[in-house]
Amino acid sequence: MDAWALVFDSTVEFSEKVPHLEDAASLESSNAAYSAAGEGLGGISLEPTAAEINGDEASITYNVLFGGTAAYEDLTGEIQRVDGTWTVSREAYCGFLASARTPCS
């Protein structure tokens, strides 16, 4: 759940996200746009509320916060363990960014 929250926090430095983000090198400019969009909302973050782990995959239930206030609740996403590290797929990351009106380039 920590990796999920870290990757989607618009205020976290990209270098901290890299180990937990599939194909991170190609997503740096998209992350910069997401961070800029988050500034206008007081920051965008995802607050995990539950995780259902099945081997190397997990389903995360989470709330989306704008400026620390819940805007959307009880959403779900998937995360995978790759070489021992919980990693958000490029597809999941770009899908969320698209919903935040900052699609991946």
Protein backbone atom coordinates (compact mmCIF):
# COMPACT_ATOMS: atom_id res chain seq x y z
CA MET A 1 0.00 0.00 0.00
CA ASP A 2 2.93 2.31 0.65
CA ALA A 3 4.25 1.91 -2.92
CA TRP A 4 0.78 2.65 -4.31
CA ALA A 5 0.44 5.85 -2.26
CA LEU A 6 3.99 6.97 -3.10
CA VAL A 7 3.68 6.58 -6.88
CA PHE A 8 0.43 8.53 -7.11
CA ASP A 9 1.32 11.38 -4.72
CA SER A 10 1.74 14.49 -6.86
CA THR A 11 4.07 16.07 -4.27
CA VAL A 12 6.62 13.22 -4.12
CA GLU A 13 9.85 13.64 -6.07
CA PHE A 14 9.98 11.50 -9.22
CA SER A 15 13.25 9.88 -8.13
CA GLU A 16 11.43 8.33 -5.16
CA LYS A 17 8.77 6.86 -7.46
CA VAL A 18 11.18 5.27 -9.98
CA PRO A 19 11.73 1.94 -8.14
CA HIS A 20 7.97 1.39 -7.90
CA LEU A 21 6.94 2.46 -11.41
CA GLU A 22 7.15 0.25 -14.49
CA ASP A 23 8.93 1.94 -17.42
CA ALA A 24 9.66 4.94 -15.20
CA ALA A 25 12.23 6.49 -17.55
CA SER A 26 9.56 7.13 -20.19
CA LEU A 27 7.12 8.63 -17.67
CA GLU A 28 9.14 11.47 -16.17
CA SER A 29 7.59 14.22 -18.31
CA SER A 30 4.08 12.84 -17.67
CA ASN A 31 4.82 12.86 -13.94
CA ALA A 32 5.96 16.49 -14.17
CA ALA A 33 2.63 17.45 -15.79
CA TYR A 34 0.73 15.51 -13.10
CA SER A 35 2.68 17.28 -10.34
CA ALA A 36 1.90 20.66 -11.91
CA ALA A 37 -1.81 19.77 -12.13
CA GLY A 38 -1.75 18.69 -8.51
CA GLU A 39 -0.37 22.06 -7.40
CA GLY A 40 -3.63 23.72 -8.44
CA LEU A 41 -5.56 21.33 -6.20
CA GLY A 42 -3.32 21.53 -3.15
CA GLY A 43 -1.79 18.17 -4.09
CA ILE A 44 -3.26 14.92 -5.37
CA SER A 45 -2.76 11.79 -3.30
CA LEU A 46 -4.20 8.31 -3.07
CA GLU A 47 -5.01 6.98 0.37
CA PRO A 48 -5.03 3.17 0.42
CA THR A 49 -7.68 1.77 2.73
CA ALA A 50 -7.29 -1.97 2.06
CA ALA A 51 -5.17 -4.46 0.15
CA GLU A 52 -6.01 -7.96 -0.98
CA ILE A 53 -2.77 -9.80 -1.77
CA ASN A 54 -2.69 -12.89 -3.95
CA GLY A 55 0.91 -14.00 -4.47
CA ASP A 56 2.74 -11.33 -6.47
CA GLU A 57 -0.40 -9.32 -7.24
CA ALA A 58 -2.53 -7.12 -5.03
CA SER A 59 -5.78 -5.26 -5.39
CA ILE A 60 -5.69 -1.91 -3.59
CA THR A 61 -8.82 -0.09 -2.43
CA TYR A 62 -8.16 3.63 -2.11
CA ASN A 63 -9.54 7.14 -1.85
CA VAL A 64 -8.40 10.04 -4.03
CA LEU A 65 -7.57 13.18 -2.04
CA PHE A 66 -7.30 16.72 -3.36
CA GLY A 67 -5.49 18.92 -0.87
CA GLY A 68 -5.97 16.25 1.81
CA THR A 69 -9.75 16.05 1.34
CA ALA A 70 -11.40 12.96 -0.10
CA ALA A 71 -12.80 13.64 -3.57
CA TYR A 72 -13.42 10.03 -4.66
CA GLU A 73 -13.74 7.02 -2.38
CA ASP A 74 -13.51 3.23 -2.57
CA LEU A 75 -11.78 2.96 -5.94
CA THR A 76 -9.62 -0.06 -6.78
CA GLY A 77 -6.36 -0.61 -8.59
CA GLU A 78 -3.82 -3.34 -9.19
CA ILE A 79 -0.15 -3.53 -8.26
CA GLN A 80 2.40 -6.29 -8.90
CA ARG A 81 5.52 -7.48 -7.09
CA VAL A 82 8.42 -7.52 -9.56
CA ASP A 83 11.75 -8.88 -8.35
CA GLY A 84 10.63 -8.33 -4.76
CA THR A 85 9.45 -4.72 -5.25
CA TRP A 86 5.81 -3.66 -5.44
CA THR A 87 5.45 -1.92 -8.80
CA VAL A 88 2.65 0.07 -10.43
CA SER A 89 2.26 -0.83 -14.11
CA ARG A 90 2.61 1.80 -16.81
CA GLU A 91 -1.00 1.04 -17.80
CA ALA A 92 -2.35 1.68 -14.28
CA TYR A 93 -0.27 4.84 -13.87
CA CYS A 94 -1.22 6.31 -17.24
CA GLY A 95 -4.86 5.36 -16.73
CA PHE A 96 -5.00 7.32 -13.50
CA LEU A 97 -3.14 10.29 -14.99
CA ALA A 98 -5.63 10.35 -17.88
CA SER A 99 -8.47 10.58 -15.37
CA ALA A 100 -6.60 13.51 -13.79
CA ARG A 101 -6.52 15.17 -17.24
CA THR A 102 -2.76 14.70 -17.63
CA PRO A 103 -2.45 11.72 -19.99
CA CYS A 104 0.92 10.08 -20.56
CA SER A 105 2.85 11.29 -23.57
